[in-house]
Amino acid sequence: MDNIYKSVLDVKDKKSFDKFLKEAKEELDKNPEEVMSAVILAAGNLMIHSLKKPITKDMAGRIMWNFIRHWLPDFATSPLRLLIYEDMLNPAFEKYFTTITPDILKWLQEKAKWNLENVKDAPEEAKKHWQSVIDGKIPFGIQLETLPEEKEDKE
């Protein structure tokens, strides 16, 4: 399986999936991360070919986020943001690289409080950082995103 991801595109039915899976298992010990990723993609490709209508970009996005959230339990409750660095070339996306929303700040404060109460062996530097977040300091020079209604109040 020289290029396992090209082989994923050939998976269109159960027979081709079974063939792909057999070949993938032979390569599993050599490169588990790539092989497992490809098998997951092949299973998705099989399901896509089973649908009566093609999936939309929105559906594909929801599938991706569902997978991310359920693959690792830590991601099930943490706020997540996927940054596409190419978006830095579009001024309309500036806020995604410089701000967080109030709900994210609240989550960070709650998580920092939990960490401070439960992670007893954390380095002192981390504990000070968590306390500063609890006290309202947003980390790393990030700003709190101004909601549209707050902008109107200031004008």
N, C-alpha and C. Protein backbone atom coordinates (compact mmCIF):
# COMPACT_ATOMS: atom_id res chain seq x y z
N MET A 1 0.85 -1.18 0.00
CA MET A 1 0.00 0.00 0.00
C MET A 1 0.88 1.24 0.00
N ASP A 2 1.41 1.57 -1.15
CA ASP A 2 2.32 2.71 -1.25
C ASP A 2 1.66 4.02 -0.81
N ASN A 3 0.52 4.32 -1.38
CA ASN A 3 -0.20 5.52 -0.95
C ASN A 3 -1.58 5.10 -0.47
N ILE A 4 -1.64 4.87 0.79
CA ILE A 4 -2.86 4.32 1.39
C ILE A 4 -4.06 5.24 1.21
N TYR A 5 -3.82 6.55 1.18
CA TYR A 5 -4.94 7.48 1.05
C TYR A 5 -5.53 7.47 -0.36
N LYS A 6 -4.73 7.20 -1.36
CA LYS A 6 -5.27 7.03 -2.71
C LYS A 6 -6.16 5.79 -2.76
N SER A 7 -5.76 4.75 -2.05
CA SER A 7 -6.54 3.51 -2.01
C SER A 7 -7.90 3.72 -1.35
N VAL A 8 -7.98 4.66 -0.44
CA VAL A 8 -9.25 4.97 0.24
C VAL A 8 -10.32 5.33 -0.80
N LEU A 9 -9.92 6.06 -1.83
CA LEU A 9 -10.88 6.51 -2.84
C LEU A 9 -11.49 5.37 -3.64
N ASP A 10 -10.83 4.22 -3.61
CA ASP A 10 -11.35 3.05 -4.32
C ASP A 10 -12.40 2.29 -3.52
N VAL A 11 -12.60 2.65 -2.27
CA VAL A 11 -13.58 1.96 -1.42
C VAL A 11 -14.96 2.52 -1.71
N LYS A 12 -15.77 1.69 -2.37
CA LYS A 12 -17.10 2.15 -2.76
C LYS A 12 -18.20 1.17 -2.36
N ASP A 13 -17.80 -0.04 -1.94
CA ASP A 13 -18.77 -1.05 -1.53
C ASP A 13 -18.12 -1.97 -0.51
N LYS A 14 -18.91 -2.87 0.06
CA LYS A 14 -18.40 -3.76 1.12
C LYS A 14 -17.23 -4.61 0.63
N LYS A 15 -17.31 -5.09 -0.58
CA LYS A 15 -16.24 -5.94 -1.12
C LYS A 15 -14.92 -5.16 -1.20
N SER A 16 -14.96 -3.94 -1.72
CA SER A 16 -13.73 -3.15 -1.81
C SER A 16 -13.24 -2.72 -0.42
N PHE A 17 -14.18 -2.50 0.51
CA PHE A 17 -13.77 -2.17 1.88
C PHE A 17 -13.07 -3.36 2.53
N ASP A 18 -13.64 -4.54 2.37
CA ASP A 18 -13.03 -5.74 2.95
C ASP A 18 -11.62 -5.96 2.40
N LYS A 19 -11.44 -5.74 1.11
CA LYS A 19 -10.12 -5.88 0.48
C LYS A 19 -9.15 -4.84 1.07
N PHE A 20 -9.63 -3.60 1.17
CA PHE A 20 -8.81 -2.52 1.73
C PHE A 20 -8.42 -2.85 3.17
N LEU A 21 -9.39 -3.32 3.96
CA LEU A 21 -9.14 -3.62 5.37
C LEU A 21 -8.10 -4.73 5.51
N LYS A 22 -8.19 -5.74 4.69
CA LYS A 22 -7.22 -6.85 4.73
C LYS A 22 -5.81 -6.34 4.44
N GLU A 23 -5.67 -5.53 3.41
CA GLU A 23 -4.36 -4.97 3.06
C GLU A 23 -3.86 -4.02 4.16
N ALA A 24 -4.77 -3.26 4.72
CA ALA A 24 -4.40 -2.31 5.77
C ALA A 24 -3.88 -3.03 7.01
N LYS A 25 -4.53 -4.13 7.38
CA LYS A 25 -4.10 -4.88 8.56
C LYS A 25 -2.66 -5.38 8.41
N GLU A 26 -2.28 -5.70 7.18
CA GLU A 26 -0.91 -6.17 6.93
C GLU A 26 0.12 -5.06 7.16
N GLU A 27 -0.31 -3.82 7.05
CA GLU A 27 0.59 -2.67 7.21
C GLU A 27 0.49 -2.02 8.59
N LEU A 28 -0.45 -2.47 9.39
CA LEU A 28 -0.78 -1.79 10.64
C LEU A 28 0.41 -1.58 11.56
N ASP A 29 1.21 -2.60 11.79
CA ASP A 29 2.34 -2.47 12.72
C ASP A 29 3.42 -1.54 12.21
N LYS A 30 3.52 -1.37 10.90
CA LYS A 30 4.56 -0.51 10.32
C LYS A 30 4.25 0.97 10.54
N ASN A 31 2.97 1.31 10.46
CA ASN A 31 2.59 2.72 10.55
C ASN A 31 1.16 2.84 11.07
N PRO A 32 0.96 2.55 12.36
CA PRO A 32 -0.42 2.49 12.89
C PRO A 32 -1.23 3.77 12.72
N GLU A 33 -0.61 4.94 12.88
CA GLU A 33 -1.38 6.18 12.79
C GLU A 33 -1.95 6.38 11.39
N GLU A 34 -1.11 6.19 10.38
CA GLU A 34 -1.57 6.37 9.00
C GLU A 34 -2.59 5.31 8.61
N VAL A 35 -2.32 4.06 8.98
CA VAL A 35 -3.22 2.97 8.59
C VAL A 35 -4.57 3.12 9.28
N MET A 36 -4.58 3.42 10.57
CA MET A 36 -5.86 3.58 11.27
C MET A 36 -6.64 4.75 10.70
N SER A 37 -5.96 5.85 10.42
CA SER A 37 -6.65 7.01 9.82
C SER A 37 -7.26 6.64 8.48
N ALA A 38 -6.50 5.92 7.68
CA ALA A 38 -6.99 5.53 6.36
C ALA A 38 -8.18 4.58 6.46
N VAL A 39 -8.15 3.66 7.41
CA VAL A 39 -9.27 2.72 7.58
C VAL A 39 -10.54 3.49 7.98
N ILE A 40 -10.39 4.45 8.87
CA ILE A 40 -11.53 5.27 9.28
C ILE A 40 -12.08 6.04 8.08
N LEU A 41 -11.18 6.61 7.29
CA LEU A 41 -11.62 7.33 6.08
C LEU A 41 -12.28 6.39 5.08
N ALA A 42 -11.74 5.18 4.94
CA ALA A 42 -12.33 4.21 4.01
C ALA A 42 -13.73 3.83 4.46
N ALA A 43 -13.93 3.66 5.77
CA ALA A 43 -15.26 3.35 6.28
C ALA A 43 -16.22 4.51 5.98
N GLY A 44 -15.73 5.72 6.16
CA GLY A 44 -16.55 6.89 5.82
C GLY A 44 -16.87 6.94 4.34
N ASN A 45 -15.88 6.62 3.52
CA ASN A 45 -16.10 6.61 2.07
C ASN A 45 -17.14 5.56 1.69
N LEU A 46 -17.09 4.41 2.32
CA LEU A 46 -18.08 3.36 2.09
C LEU A 46 -19.48 3.89 2.43
N MET A 47 -19.60 4.56 3.56
CA MET A 47 -20.90 5.09 3.98
C MET A 47 -21.39 6.17 3.01
N ILE A 48 -20.48 7.03 2.57
CA ILE A 48 -20.86 8.08 1.62
C ILE A 48 -21.44 7.46 0.35
N HIS A 49 -20.81 6.39 -0.12
CA HIS A 49 -21.29 5.73 -1.34
C HIS A 49 -22.60 4.98 -1.11
N SER A 50 -22.97 4.79 0.15
CA SER A 50 -24.23 4.12 0.47
C SER A 50 -25.40 5.08 0.53
N LEU A 51 -25.10 6.37 0.59
CA LEU A 51 -26.16 7.38 0.67
C LEU A 51 -26.86 7.57 -0.68
N LYS A 52 -28.11 7.97 -0.61
CA LYS A 52 -28.86 8.24 -1.84
C LYS A 52 -28.51 9.61 -2.42
N LYS A 53 -28.12 10.55 -1.52
CA LYS A 53 -27.76 11.90 -1.96
C LYS A 53 -26.35 12.21 -1.45
N PRO A 54 -25.59 13.01 -2.17
CA PRO A 54 -24.25 13.38 -1.69
C PRO A 54 -24.33 14.21 -0.41
N ILE A 55 -23.29 14.12 0.41
CA ILE A 55 -23.29 14.94 1.62
C ILE A 55 -22.87 16.36 1.26
N THR A 56 -23.35 17.30 2.05
CA THR A 56 -23.00 18.70 1.84
C THR A 56 -21.75 19.03 2.64
N LYS A 57 -21.20 20.19 2.38
CA LYS A 57 -20.04 20.65 3.13
C LYS A 57 -20.39 20.78 4.62
N ASP A 58 -21.59 21.26 4.92
CA ASP A 58 -22.02 21.39 6.31
C ASP A 58 -22.11 20.03 6.99
N MET A 59 -22.66 19.04 6.28
CA MET A 59 -22.75 17.70 6.85
C MET A 59 -21.34 17.14 7.10
N ALA A 60 -20.45 17.34 6.16
CA ALA A 60 -19.07 16.86 6.32
C ALA A 60 -18.42 17.50 7.54
N GLY A 61 -18.68 18.78 7.75
CA GLY A 61 -18.14 19.46 8.92
C GLY A 61 -18.68 18.89 10.22
N ARG A 62 -19.98 18.62 10.26
CA ARG A 62 -20.57 18.03 11.48
C ARG A 62 -20.01 16.63 11.74
N ILE A 63 -19.81 15.86 10.66
CA ILE A 63 -19.21 14.53 10.82
C ILE A 63 -17.81 14.66 11.41
N MET A 64 -17.02 15.60 10.89
CA MET A 64 -15.66 15.80 11.39
C MET A 64 -15.67 16.15 12.89
N TRP A 65 -16.53 17.11 13.28
CA TRP A 65 -16.56 17.53 14.67
C TRP A 65 -17.07 16.41 15.57
N ASN A 66 -18.07 15.64 15.11
CA ASN A 66 -18.54 14.49 15.90
C ASN A 66 -17.41 13.50 16.12
N PHE A 67 -16.64 13.25 15.07
CA PHE A 67 -15.52 12.32 15.20
C PHE A 67 -14.49 12.85 16.21
N ILE A 68 -14.10 14.09 16.05
CA ILE A 68 -13.10 14.68 16.95
C ILE A 68 -13.58 14.61 18.39
N ARG A 69 -14.83 14.99 18.63
CA ARG A 69 -15.35 15.02 20.00
C ARG A 69 -15.46 13.63 20.62
N HIS A 70 -15.70 12.62 19.81
CA HIS A 70 -15.90 11.29 20.37
C HIS A 70 -14.66 10.40 20.29
N TRP A 71 -13.65 10.80 19.57
CA TRP A 71 -12.43 10.01 19.48
C TRP A 71 -11.68 10.07 20.81
N LEU A 72 -11.53 11.26 21.35
CA LEU A 72 -10.85 11.44 22.64
C LEU A 72 -11.83 12.07 23.63
N PRO A 73 -12.05 11.42 24.76
CA PRO A 73 -13.02 11.95 25.74
C PRO A 73 -12.73 13.37 26.18
N ASP A 74 -11.45 13.78 26.22
CA ASP A 74 -11.13 15.14 26.64
C ASP A 74 -11.74 16.18 25.71
N PHE A 75 -11.97 15.82 24.47
CA PHE A 75 -12.52 16.76 23.50
C PHE A 75 -14.04 16.83 23.55
N ALA A 76 -14.67 15.95 24.32
CA ALA A 76 -16.13 15.90 24.35
C ALA A 76 -16.74 17.15 24.96
N THR A 77 -16.04 17.76 25.92
CA THR A 77 -16.61 18.91 26.61
C THR A 77 -15.81 20.19 26.44
N SER A 78 -14.59 20.11 25.95
CA SER A 78 -13.77 21.31 25.76
C SER A 78 -14.24 22.10 24.55
N PRO A 79 -14.28 23.43 24.67
CA PRO A 79 -14.55 24.21 23.47
C PRO A 79 -13.39 24.00 22.49
N LEU A 80 -13.71 23.88 21.24
CA LEU A 80 -12.68 23.65 20.23
C LEU A 80 -12.85 24.65 19.10
N ARG A 81 -11.74 24.97 18.46
CA ARG A 81 -11.77 25.83 17.28
C ARG A 81 -10.72 25.30 16.33
N LEU A 82 -11.10 25.13 15.10
CA LEU A 82 -10.16 24.71 14.07
C LEU A 82 -9.69 25.97 13.36
N LEU A 83 -8.40 26.23 13.44
CA LEU A 83 -7.84 27.39 12.76
C LEU A 83 -7.27 26.97 11.42
N ILE A 84 -7.68 27.66 10.41
CA ILE A 84 -7.14 27.45 9.07
C ILE A 84 -6.25 28.65 8.82
N TYR A 85 -4.96 28.45 8.88
CA TYR A 85 -4.04 29.57 8.83
C TYR A 85 -4.11 30.35 7.53
N GLU A 86 -4.58 29.75 6.48
CA GLU A 86 -4.79 30.49 5.23
C GLU A 86 -5.81 31.61 5.44
N ASP A 87 -6.71 31.43 6.42
CA ASP A 87 -7.69 32.46 6.72
C ASP A 87 -7.04 33.75 7.21
N MET A 88 -5.78 33.69 7.62
CA MET A 88 -5.08 34.90 8.04
C MET A 88 -4.87 35.85 6.86
N LEU A 89 -5.07 35.35 5.66
CA LEU A 89 -4.94 36.19 4.47
C LEU A 89 -6.24 36.95 4.17
N ASN A 90 -7.29 36.69 4.94
CA ASN A 90 -8.58 37.36 4.76
C ASN A 90 -8.85 38.20 6.00
N PRO A 91 -8.89 39.54 5.85
CA PRO A 91 -9.07 40.40 7.03
C PRO A 91 -10.36 40.13 7.80
N ALA A 92 -11.36 39.55 7.16
CA ALA A 92 -12.62 39.28 7.85
C ALA A 92 -12.47 38.22 8.94
N PHE A 93 -11.39 37.45 8.91
CA PHE A 93 -11.19 36.38 9.88
C PHE A 93 -10.26 36.77 11.03
N GLU A 94 -9.88 38.03 11.11
CA GLU A 94 -8.93 38.47 12.14
C GLU A 94 -9.37 38.07 13.54
N LYS A 95 -10.66 38.22 13.84
CA LYS A 95 -11.14 37.96 15.20
C LYS A 95 -10.86 36.53 15.66
N TYR A 96 -10.78 35.59 14.73
CA TYR A 96 -10.54 34.19 15.12
C TYR A 96 -9.11 33.96 15.62
N PHE A 97 -8.23 34.89 15.35
CA PHE A 97 -6.84 34.73 15.74
C PHE A 97 -6.45 35.64 16.90
N THR A 98 -7.37 36.50 17.33
CA THR A 98 -7.03 37.46 18.38
C THR A 98 -8.00 37.49 19.55
N THR A 99 -9.13 36.78 19.43
CA THR A 99 -10.16 36.89 20.46
C THR A 99 -10.73 35.53 20.86
N ILE A 100 -11.37 35.54 22.03
CA ILE A 100 -12.21 34.41 22.44
C ILE A 100 -13.56 34.99 22.85
N THR A 101 -14.58 34.18 22.83
CA THR A 101 -15.92 34.63 23.19
C THR A 101 -16.11 34.54 24.71
N PRO A 102 -17.07 35.27 25.24
CA PRO A 102 -17.31 35.22 26.69
C PRO A 102 -17.57 33.79 27.21
N ASP A 103 -18.26 32.97 26.44
CA ASP A 103 -18.53 31.61 26.91
C ASP A 103 -17.24 30.79 27.00
N ILE A 104 -16.29 31.05 26.13
CA ILE A 104 -14.99 30.35 26.20
C ILE A 104 -14.23 30.81 27.44
N LEU A 105 -14.24 32.12 27.72
CA LEU A 105 -13.58 32.62 28.93
C LEU A 105 -14.19 31.98 30.17
N LYS A 106 -15.50 31.91 30.22
CA LYS A 106 -16.17 31.29 31.37
C LYS A 106 -15.73 29.83 31.51
N TRP A 107 -15.67 29.10 30.39
CA TRP A 107 -15.24 27.70 30.42
C TRP A 107 -13.80 27.61 30.93
N LEU A 108 -12.92 28.48 30.43
CA LEU A 108 -11.52 28.48 30.87
C LEU A 108 -11.43 28.72 32.39
N GLN A 109 -12.22 29.65 32.88
CA GLN A 109 -12.20 29.95 34.31
C GLN A 109 -12.67 28.75 35.13
N GLU A 110 -13.73 28.10 34.67
CA GLU A 110 -14.23 26.92 35.39
C GLU A 110 -13.21 25.78 35.35
N LYS A 111 -12.57 25.58 34.21
CA LYS A 111 -11.57 24.52 34.07
C LYS A 111 -10.33 24.86 34.92
N ALA A 112 -9.93 26.12 34.93
CA ALA A 112 -8.79 26.53 35.75
C ALA A 112 -9.10 26.30 37.23
N LYS A 113 -10.32 26.62 37.65
CA LYS A 113 -10.72 26.40 39.04
C LYS A 113 -10.67 24.90 39.37
N TRP A 114 -11.20 24.09 38.47
CA TRP A 114 -11.17 22.64 38.67
C TRP A 114 -9.73 22.16 38.77
N ASN A 115 -8.88 22.62 37.85
CA ASN A 115 -7.47 22.23 37.88
C ASN A 115 -6.82 22.60 39.21
N LEU A 116 -7.07 23.82 39.66
CA LEU A 116 -6.47 24.30 40.92
C LEU A 116 -6.91 23.45 42.10
N GLU A 117 -8.14 23.01 42.09
CA GLU A 117 -8.67 22.20 43.19
C GLU A 117 -8.28 20.73 43.09
N ASN A 118 -7.98 20.24 41.90
CA ASN A 118 -7.81 18.80 41.71
C ASN A 118 -6.44 18.33 41.25
N VAL A 119 -5.67 19.21 40.62
CA VAL A 119 -4.36 18.80 40.11
C VAL A 119 -3.30 19.28 41.11
N LYS A 120 -3.12 18.49 42.16
CA LYS A 120 -2.27 18.89 43.28
C LYS A 120 -0.78 18.91 42.94
N ASP A 121 -0.35 18.08 41.99
CA ASP A 121 1.07 17.98 41.69
C ASP A 121 1.50 18.88 40.52
N ALA A 122 0.65 19.85 40.16
CA ALA A 122 0.98 20.76 39.05
C ALA A 122 2.12 21.68 39.47
N PRO A 123 2.94 22.11 38.52
CA PRO A 123 4.00 23.07 38.83
C PRO A 123 3.41 24.38 39.35
N GLU A 124 4.14 25.04 40.19
CA GLU A 124 3.69 26.30 40.79
C GLU A 124 3.35 27.34 39.71
N GLU A 125 4.11 27.35 38.64
CA GLU A 125 3.87 28.28 37.53
C GLU A 125 2.47 28.05 36.92
N ALA A 126 2.10 26.80 36.75
CA ALA A 126 0.77 26.47 36.21
C ALA A 126 -0.32 26.92 37.18
N LYS A 127 -0.11 26.68 38.49
CA LYS A 127 -1.11 27.08 39.48
C LYS A 127 -1.32 28.59 39.48
N LYS A 128 -0.23 29.35 39.36
CA LYS A 128 -0.34 30.82 39.30
C LYS A 128 -1.10 31.25 38.05
N HIS A 129 -0.80 30.57 36.94
CA HIS A 129 -1.48 30.87 35.68
C HIS A 129 -2.98 30.59 35.80
N TRP A 130 -3.34 29.44 36.38
CA TRP A 130 -4.75 29.10 36.56
C TRP A 130 -5.45 30.15 37.43
N GLN A 131 -4.78 30.56 38.50
CA GLN A 131 -5.39 31.56 39.39
C GLN A 131 -5.60 32.87 38.64
N SER A 132 -4.66 33.26 37.80
CA SER A 132 -4.83 34.50 37.04
C SER A 132 -6.02 34.41 36.07
N VAL A 133 -6.24 33.23 35.50
CA VAL A 133 -7.40 33.03 34.62
C VAL A 133 -8.69 33.12 35.44
N ILE A 134 -8.70 32.50 36.61
CA ILE A 134 -9.87 32.57 37.50
C ILE A 134 -10.16 34.03 37.85
N ASP A 135 -9.09 34.80 38.06
CA ASP A 135 -9.23 36.22 38.43
C ASP A 135 -9.63 37.10 37.24
N GLY A 136 -9.74 36.52 36.05
CA GLY A 136 -10.22 37.27 34.90
C GLY A 136 -9.19 37.64 33.85
N LYS A 137 -7.94 37.25 34.05
CA LYS A 137 -6.90 37.55 33.05
C LYS A 137 -7.00 36.53 31.92
N ILE A 138 -7.17 37.02 30.73
CA ILE A 138 -7.24 36.14 29.57
C ILE A 138 -5.81 35.84 29.13
N PRO A 139 -5.47 34.57 28.95
CA PRO A 139 -4.08 34.20 28.63
C PRO A 139 -3.59 34.71 27.27
N PHE A 140 -2.29 34.85 27.19
CA PHE A 140 -1.55 35.03 25.95
C PHE A 140 -1.89 36.28 25.16
N GLY A 141 -2.39 37.30 25.83
CA GLY A 141 -2.68 38.57 25.15
C GLY A 141 -3.92 38.53 24.27
N ILE A 142 -4.71 37.49 24.41
CA ILE A 142 -5.94 37.37 23.63
C ILE A 142 -6.98 38.30 24.24
N GLN A 143 -7.82 38.86 23.41
CA GLN A 143 -8.86 39.79 23.85
C GLN A 143 -10.21 39.08 23.91
N LEU A 144 -11.11 39.63 24.70
CA LEU A 144 -12.47 39.12 24.76
C LEU A 144 -13.23 39.69 23.57
N GLU A 145 -13.87 38.81 22.81
CA GLU A 145 -14.61 39.24 21.62
C GLU A 145 -15.78 40.10 22.03
N THR A 146 -15.94 41.21 21.38
CA THR A 146 -17.07 42.09 21.63
C THR A 146 -18.24 41.59 20.82
N LEU A 147 -19.34 41.34 21.51
CA LEU A 147 -20.54 40.87 20.83
C LEU A 147 -21.20 42.03 20.10
N PRO A 148 -21.94 41.76 19.02
CA PRO A 148 -22.55 42.84 18.23
C PRO A 148 -23.36 43.83 19.06
N GLU A 149 -24.14 43.34 20.03
CA GLU A 149 -24.95 44.26 20.83
C GLU A 149 -24.08 45.15 21.72
N GLU A 150 -22.90 44.69 22.14
CA GLU A 150 -22.00 45.51 22.94
C GLU A 150 -21.38 46.61 22.09
N LYS A 151 -21.12 46.31 20.81
CA LYS A 151 -20.57 47.34 19.91
C LYS A 151 -21.58 48.48 19.73
N GLU A 152 -22.87 48.13 19.61
CA GLU A 152 -23.91 49.14 19.42
C GLU A 152 -24.01 50.04 20.65
N ASP A 153 -23.85 49.48 21.85
CA ASP A 153 -23.92 50.28 23.08
C ASP A 153 -22.81 51.31 23.15
N LYS A 154 -21.64 51.00 22.59
CA LYS A 154 -20.49 51.90 22.66
C LYS A 154 -20.57 53.02 21.63
N GLU A 155 -21.37 52.83 20.61
CA GLU A 155 -21.44 53.84 19.54
C GLU A 155 -22.41 54.94 19.86
